[in-house]
Amino acid sequence: MRLSSQLKLRHLEVFVEVARKMSVTQAAERLGMTQPAVTRALRELEAVCEKPLVEKHGRGIRLSAYGEMFRDYAGRSLALTRDGVDLLRGLDAAEGSKVTIGALPTVSATVVPEALASIWEQGGRSRFSVMSGDNQYLLDLLRRGELDVVVGRLPAPENMVGLDFDPLFRERVTVVVAPDHPLTSLDAAHLPDALFGEYPVLMPPPASIIRSSVERMFLEQGISMPDAPIETVSSTFGRQFALAHQAIWVISHGVVRSDLASGVLVALPLDTDSTRGPVGLCLRSEHRLSPAAARFCAALKNVCT
């Protein structure tokens, strides 16, 4: 038999109130129930748990050892349920506050706009502000409370102090060029070892999350690092420069996904699987999101599933 057919929300409400008051009479008054109804709910909950939760103590009652063990679980479950109901009930009224989102380049052109579009289509009319930038800059704003959430790659452990990470999916780096680039005629076996010797190279800056994985990938494949790369996180600049100046652009796949699908850019045949890493939500630890911010996070997760 399923637990949901045996355990009701009123069982938890009764147990939590009895545990707080240590009195069936006072719990019944607080809940607007009769004493027999409170006692019956306790007995039903004990039957579900298959353990005695309350025992006599002098002229009153106290929690049994099993009741003490169960108290925190019941309290947290009830609190979370109430918070969820309150959040949904207050969603429309509370959506007027602005939600500030930090989006790294890997998601600013893909899942973030899709999530915002889905909220709009469902009738959401919250005010959203989306800011892009490098990882360290956005995380600093998040810690100061100037952003509600940051969406992007998992930062290094030392940059996660005071923050939590909720993964959404994994993504790799790709190396792209214009369709008429001379290197597009070569297969992987014939790409020059000094791949970056003859053409300008666009690279993520050292402060970016993917830079270390890119350097490790090149080292593993025996490809020399460019001597003077142009470092940028701007997708607009990167796309234009790659198309106009035969540049090689090293970038997260999500940034150029639509360009690759439409043929605007072409990926070089390099094995970049070693650069795959988790992309997700960075949130301030212990911070309770506003209803509108929580709705954005839920929409983003839905888009990524």
Protein backbone atom coordinates (compact mmCIF):
# COMPACT_ATOMS: atom_id res chain seq x y z
CA MET A 1 0.00 0.00 0.00
CA ARG A 2 1.31 3.44 -0.90
CA LEU A 3 2.35 5.77 1.93
CA SER A 4 0.21 8.55 0.42
CA SER A 5 -2.94 6.46 0.98
CA GLN A 6 -2.11 6.10 4.69
CA LEU A 7 -0.38 9.34 5.67
CA LYS A 8 -2.35 12.60 5.57
CA LEU A 9 -1.23 16.16 6.12
CA ARG A 10 -3.46 16.40 9.21
CA HIS A 11 -1.44 13.58 10.80
CA LEU A 12 1.70 15.71 10.60
CA GLU A 13 -0.13 18.85 11.75
CA VAL A 14 -1.49 17.04 14.80
CA PHE A 15 1.82 15.41 15.72
CA VAL A 16 3.83 18.63 15.35
CA GLU A 17 1.33 20.58 17.48
CA VAL A 18 1.18 17.88 20.18
CA ALA A 19 5.00 17.77 20.22
CA ARG A 20 5.07 21.55 20.62
CA LYS A 21 2.45 21.77 23.38
CA MET A 22 3.04 18.37 25.01
CA SER A 23 -0.72 18.36 25.52
CA VAL A 24 -3.53 16.80 23.53
CA THR A 25 -5.99 19.34 24.98
CA GLN A 26 -3.93 22.39 23.98
CA ALA A 27 -3.14 20.92 20.57
CA ALA A 28 -6.83 20.32 19.95
CA GLU A 29 -7.67 23.93 20.89
CA ARG A 30 -4.90 25.26 18.66
CA LEU A 31 -6.01 23.18 15.69
CA GLY A 32 -9.74 23.66 16.22
CA MET A 33 -10.29 19.94 16.68
CA THR A 34 -11.83 17.80 19.39
CA GLN A 35 -9.57 15.87 21.76
CA PRO A 36 -10.82 12.50 20.47
CA ALA A 37 -10.02 13.59 16.90
CA VAL A 38 -6.47 14.55 17.89
CA THR A 39 -5.98 11.27 19.74
CA ARG A 40 -7.34 9.31 16.77
CA ALA A 41 -4.97 11.13 14.37
CA LEU A 42 -2.03 10.27 16.64
CA ARG A 43 -3.01 6.60 16.74
CA GLU A 44 -3.37 6.52 12.94
CA LEU A 45 0.09 8.07 12.53
CA GLU A 46 1.59 5.56 14.95
CA ALA A 47 0.00 2.77 12.91
CA VAL A 48 1.63 4.14 9.76
CA CYS A 49 5.03 4.44 11.47
CA GLU A 50 4.59 1.12 13.27
CA LYS A 51 6.07 2.70 16.39
CA PRO A 52 4.65 4.48 19.46
CA LEU A 53 5.27 8.22 19.15
CA VAL A 54 3.68 9.51 22.37
CA GLU A 55 3.67 8.01 25.86
CA LYS A 56 2.20 8.87 29.25
CA HIS A 57 4.38 10.90 31.62
CA GLY A 58 2.95 11.58 35.07
CA ARG A 59 -0.40 13.28 34.51
CA GLY A 60 0.56 14.39 31.02
CA ILE A 61 2.34 13.03 27.96
CA ARG A 62 5.74 13.19 26.33
CA LEU A 63 7.27 12.04 23.08
CA SER A 64 8.69 8.55 23.04
CA ALA A 65 12.22 7.97 21.76
CA TYR A 66 10.65 7.22 18.39
CA GLY A 67 8.62 10.42 18.55
CA GLU A 68 11.77 12.43 19.23
CA MET A 69 13.40 10.85 16.19
CA PHE A 70 10.38 11.64 14.01
CA ARG A 71 9.77 15.19 15.25
CA ASP A 72 12.31 16.99 13.01
CA TYR A 73 11.24 15.09 9.90
CA ALA A 74 7.58 15.85 10.49
CA GLY A 75 8.28 19.51 11.25
CA ARG A 76 10.44 20.04 8.18
CA SER A 77 7.98 18.24 5.89
CA LEU A 78 5.09 20.34 7.17
CA ALA A 79 7.09 23.58 6.94
CA LEU A 80 8.23 22.88 3.39
CA THR A 81 4.67 22.05 2.32
CA ARG A 82 3.36 25.26 3.84
CA ASP A 83 6.13 27.27 2.21
CA GLY A 84 5.32 25.73 -1.17
CA VAL A 85 1.61 26.45 -0.85
CA ASP A 86 2.26 30.02 0.34
CA LEU A 87 4.67 30.57 -2.55
CA LEU A 88 2.13 29.45 -5.16
CA ARG A 89 -0.77 31.30 -3.55
CA GLY A 90 1.22 34.51 -3.43
CA LEU A 91 2.82 34.14 -6.84
CA ASP A 92 0.65 36.56 -8.79
CA ALA A 93 0.70 39.23 -6.09
CA ALA A 94 4.44 38.99 -5.52
CA GLU A 95 5.55 38.86 -9.12
CA GLY A 96 5.92 42.61 -9.33
CA SER A 97 9.40 42.54 -7.81
CA LYS A 98 12.27 42.44 -10.30
CA VAL A 99 14.26 39.22 -10.68
CA THR A 100 17.92 39.84 -11.52
CA ILE A 101 19.65 37.00 -13.37
CA GLY A 102 23.32 36.60 -14.08
CA ALA A 103 23.83 34.50 -17.21
CA LEU A 104 27.21 33.28 -18.42
CA PRO A 105 27.62 33.24 -22.21
CA THR A 106 27.00 29.49 -22.40
CA VAL A 107 23.34 29.96 -21.37
CA SER A 108 22.53 33.57 -22.25
CA ALA A 109 21.70 32.61 -25.84
CA THR A 110 19.97 29.28 -25.14
CA VAL A 111 18.18 28.04 -22.03
CA VAL A 112 17.75 31.38 -20.21
CA PRO A 113 15.75 33.04 -23.02
CA GLU A 114 13.77 29.82 -23.47
CA ALA A 115 12.85 29.78 -19.78
CA LEU A 116 11.80 33.45 -19.83
CA ALA A 117 9.74 32.86 -22.97
CA SER A 118 7.93 29.95 -21.33
CA ILE A 119 7.05 32.13 -18.32
CA TRP A 120 5.64 34.79 -20.64
CA GLU A 121 3.60 32.21 -22.57
CA GLN A 122 2.14 30.92 -19.30
CA GLY A 123 0.96 34.40 -18.38
CA GLY A 124 3.80 35.45 -16.08
CA ARG A 125 4.37 39.18 -16.05
CA SER A 126 7.27 39.52 -13.63
CA ARG A 127 10.02 42.01 -14.33
CA PHE A 128 13.30 40.35 -15.23
CA SER A 129 16.78 41.78 -15.67
CA VAL A 130 19.43 39.64 -17.35
CA MET A 131 23.12 40.49 -17.03
CA SER A 132 26.01 38.70 -18.70
CA GLY A 133 29.68 38.75 -17.81
CA ASP A 134 32.53 36.58 -16.62
CA ASN A 135 32.13 34.10 -13.80
CA GLN A 136 33.91 35.98 -10.99
CA TYR A 137 32.10 39.25 -11.68
CA LEU A 138 28.66 37.62 -11.61
CA LEU A 139 29.39 35.58 -8.48
CA ASP A 140 30.57 38.70 -6.65
CA LEU A 141 27.28 40.41 -7.53
CA LEU A 142 25.37 37.33 -6.36
CA ARG A 143 27.11 37.33 -2.97
CA ARG A 144 26.34 41.02 -2.51
CA GLY A 145 22.66 40.38 -3.19
CA GLU A 146 22.65 42.35 -6.45
CA LEU A 147 21.71 39.20 -8.38
CA ASP A 148 19.11 36.61 -7.39
CA VAL A 149 20.67 33.75 -9.32
CA VAL A 150 23.59 33.02 -11.64
CA VAL A 151 23.24 30.46 -14.43
CA GLY A 152 26.36 28.89 -15.91
CA ARG A 153 29.20 26.44 -15.43
CA LEU A 154 30.06 25.03 -12.01
CA PRO A 155 32.68 27.38 -10.50
CA ALA A 156 35.87 26.19 -8.84
CA PRO A 157 35.39 25.07 -5.19
CA GLU A 158 37.20 28.11 -3.81
CA ASN A 159 34.67 30.36 -5.54
CA MET A 160 31.65 28.58 -4.03
CA VAL A 161 31.96 29.86 -0.45
CA GLY A 162 28.49 30.88 0.71
CA LEU A 163 26.89 29.56 -2.48
CA ASP A 164 25.01 26.43 -3.54
CA PHE A 165 25.00 24.82 -7.00
CA ASP A 166 22.01 23.04 -8.57
CA PRO A 167 23.12 21.18 -11.75
CA LEU A 168 20.99 21.25 -14.90
CA PHE A 169 23.03 19.59 -17.66
CA ARG A 170 26.59 19.04 -18.90
CA GLU A 171 28.23 20.92 -21.78
CA ARG A 172 31.52 20.87 -23.66
CA VAL A 173 33.72 23.45 -25.33
CA THR A 174 33.90 23.60 -29.12
CA VAL A 175 36.36 25.14 -31.59
CA VAL A 176 34.66 26.92 -34.50
CA VAL A 177 35.56 28.83 -37.65
CA ALA A 178 33.80 30.42 -40.60
CA PRO A 179 32.51 27.98 -43.26
CA ASP A 180 35.13 29.17 -45.80
CA HIS A 181 38.07 28.85 -43.41
CA PRO A 182 41.05 26.90 -44.86
CA LEU A 183 41.06 24.49 -41.89
CA THR A 184 37.57 23.17 -42.72
CA SER A 185 39.06 21.12 -45.56
CA LEU A 186 41.20 19.06 -43.14
CA ASP A 187 40.16 16.09 -41.04
CA ALA A 188 41.29 15.58 -37.45
CA ALA A 189 44.34 13.53 -38.45
CA HIS A 190 45.64 16.32 -40.67
CA LEU A 191 45.05 19.34 -38.46
CA PRO A 192 48.45 20.92 -37.81
CA ASP A 193 50.04 20.42 -34.40
CA ALA A 194 50.61 24.16 -34.24
CA LEU A 195 46.92 24.75 -34.90
CA PHE A 196 47.03 28.35 -33.80
CA GLY A 197 50.15 29.45 -35.63
CA GLU A 198 48.67 31.03 -38.75
CA TYR A 199 45.32 32.45 -37.67
CA PRO A 200 43.98 34.78 -34.96
CA VAL A 201 42.58 32.90 -31.97
CA LEU A 202 39.73 33.92 -29.67
CA MET A 203 39.97 32.35 -26.23
CA PRO A 204 38.05 32.59 -22.94
CA PRO A 205 40.03 34.73 -20.47
CA PRO A 206 41.94 33.15 -17.55
CA ALA A 207 39.18 34.16 -15.12
CA SER A 208 36.57 32.15 -17.03
CA ILE A 209 35.54 28.72 -15.78
CA ILE A 210 36.33 26.88 -19.02
CA ARG A 211 39.84 28.27 -19.55
CA SER A 212 41.61 25.60 -17.47
CA SER A 213 39.74 22.75 -19.17
CA VAL A 214 40.59 24.20 -22.59
CA GLU A 215 44.30 24.40 -21.72
CA ARG A 216 44.22 20.82 -20.41
CA MET A 217 42.52 19.59 -23.59
CA PHE A 218 45.18 21.18 -25.81
CA LEU A 219 47.94 19.74 -23.65
CA GLU A 220 46.43 16.26 -23.88
CA GLN A 221 46.22 16.49 -27.68
CA GLY A 222 49.69 17.97 -28.17
CA ILE A 223 48.39 21.27 -29.50
CA SER A 224 50.48 24.32 -28.66
CA MET A 225 48.69 27.19 -26.95
CA PRO A 226 48.42 30.39 -29.00
CA ASP A 227 51.12 32.95 -28.21
CA ALA A 228 48.87 36.00 -28.32
CA PRO A 229 45.19 35.04 -28.14
CA ILE A 230 42.42 37.59 -28.09
CA GLU A 231 40.58 36.96 -24.82
CA THR A 232 36.85 37.62 -24.74
CA VAL A 233 33.53 36.41 -23.35
CA SER A 234 31.51 38.47 -25.84
CA SER A 235 29.53 36.27 -28.21
CA THR A 236 28.75 39.23 -30.47
CA PHE A 237 32.42 40.15 -30.88
CA GLY A 238 33.52 36.53 -31.19
CA ARG A 239 31.04 35.70 -33.92
CA GLN A 240 31.80 38.80 -35.98
CA PHE A 241 35.57 38.43 -35.66
CA ALA A 242 35.52 34.74 -36.56
CA LEU A 243 33.42 35.40 -39.66
CA ALA A 244 35.34 38.43 -40.89
CA HIS A 245 38.97 37.59 -40.10
CA GLN A 246 39.50 33.81 -40.41
CA ALA A 247 39.80 33.55 -36.64
CA ILE A 248 39.59 30.33 -34.63
CA TRP A 249 37.08 30.70 -31.83
CA VAL A 250 37.28 28.53 -28.70
CA ILE A 251 33.93 28.79 -26.96
CA SER A 252 31.25 26.89 -25.02
CA HIS A 253 29.04 24.88 -27.35
CA GLY A 254 25.85 26.54 -26.15
CA VAL A 255 27.01 29.96 -27.30
CA VAL A 256 27.27 28.84 -30.93
CA ARG A 257 24.72 26.04 -31.01
CA SER A 258 22.31 27.88 -33.32
CA ASP A 259 25.21 29.09 -35.53
CA LEU A 260 26.40 25.51 -35.98
CA ALA A 261 22.88 24.27 -36.72
CA SER A 262 22.34 26.93 -39.38
CA GLY A 263 25.81 26.58 -40.91
CA VAL A 264 26.90 30.11 -40.03
CA LEU A 265 29.88 28.58 -38.22
CA VAL A 266 31.59 25.20 -38.53
CA ALA A 267 33.18 23.13 -35.75
CA LEU A 268 36.71 21.86 -36.31
CA PRO A 269 37.05 18.07 -35.87
CA LEU A 270 38.73 18.17 -32.47
CA ASP A 271 37.85 15.82 -29.61
CA THR A 272 36.57 18.14 -26.89
CA ASP A 273 34.78 15.60 -24.70
CA SER A 274 37.28 16.13 -21.89
CA THR A 275 35.96 19.69 -21.48
CA ARG A 276 32.45 18.59 -20.54
CA GLY A 277 31.32 20.11 -17.27
CA PRO A 278 28.13 20.75 -15.29
CA VAL A 279 25.99 23.80 -16.02
CA GLY A 280 23.45 24.88 -13.44
CA LEU A 281 22.12 27.43 -10.96
CA CYS A 282 24.28 29.23 -8.40
CA LEU A 283 22.29 30.53 -5.41
CA ARG A 284 23.19 32.14 -2.11
CA SER A 285 23.16 29.54 0.65
CA GLU A 286 20.16 29.78 2.99
CA HIS A 287 18.60 32.50 0.83
CA ARG A 288 14.89 32.10 0.17
CA LEU A 289 14.03 33.07 -3.38
CA SER A 290 11.13 35.35 -4.14
CA PRO A 291 8.13 33.66 -5.79
CA ALA A 292 9.07 35.14 -9.17
CA ALA A 293 12.71 34.01 -8.86
CA ALA A 294 11.59 30.53 -7.82
CA ARG A 295 9.30 30.44 -10.84
CA PHE A 296 12.22 31.31 -13.12
CA CYS A 297 14.34 28.50 -11.61
CA ALA A 298 11.49 26.03 -12.07
CA ALA A 299 11.00 27.15 -15.69
CA LEU A 300 14.73 26.80 -16.36
CA LYS A 301 14.77 23.25 -14.97
CA ASN A 302 11.79 22.38 -17.10
CA VAL A 303 13.54 23.67 -20.23
CA CYS A 304 16.65 21.62 -19.42
CA THR A 305 14.88 18.30 -18.84
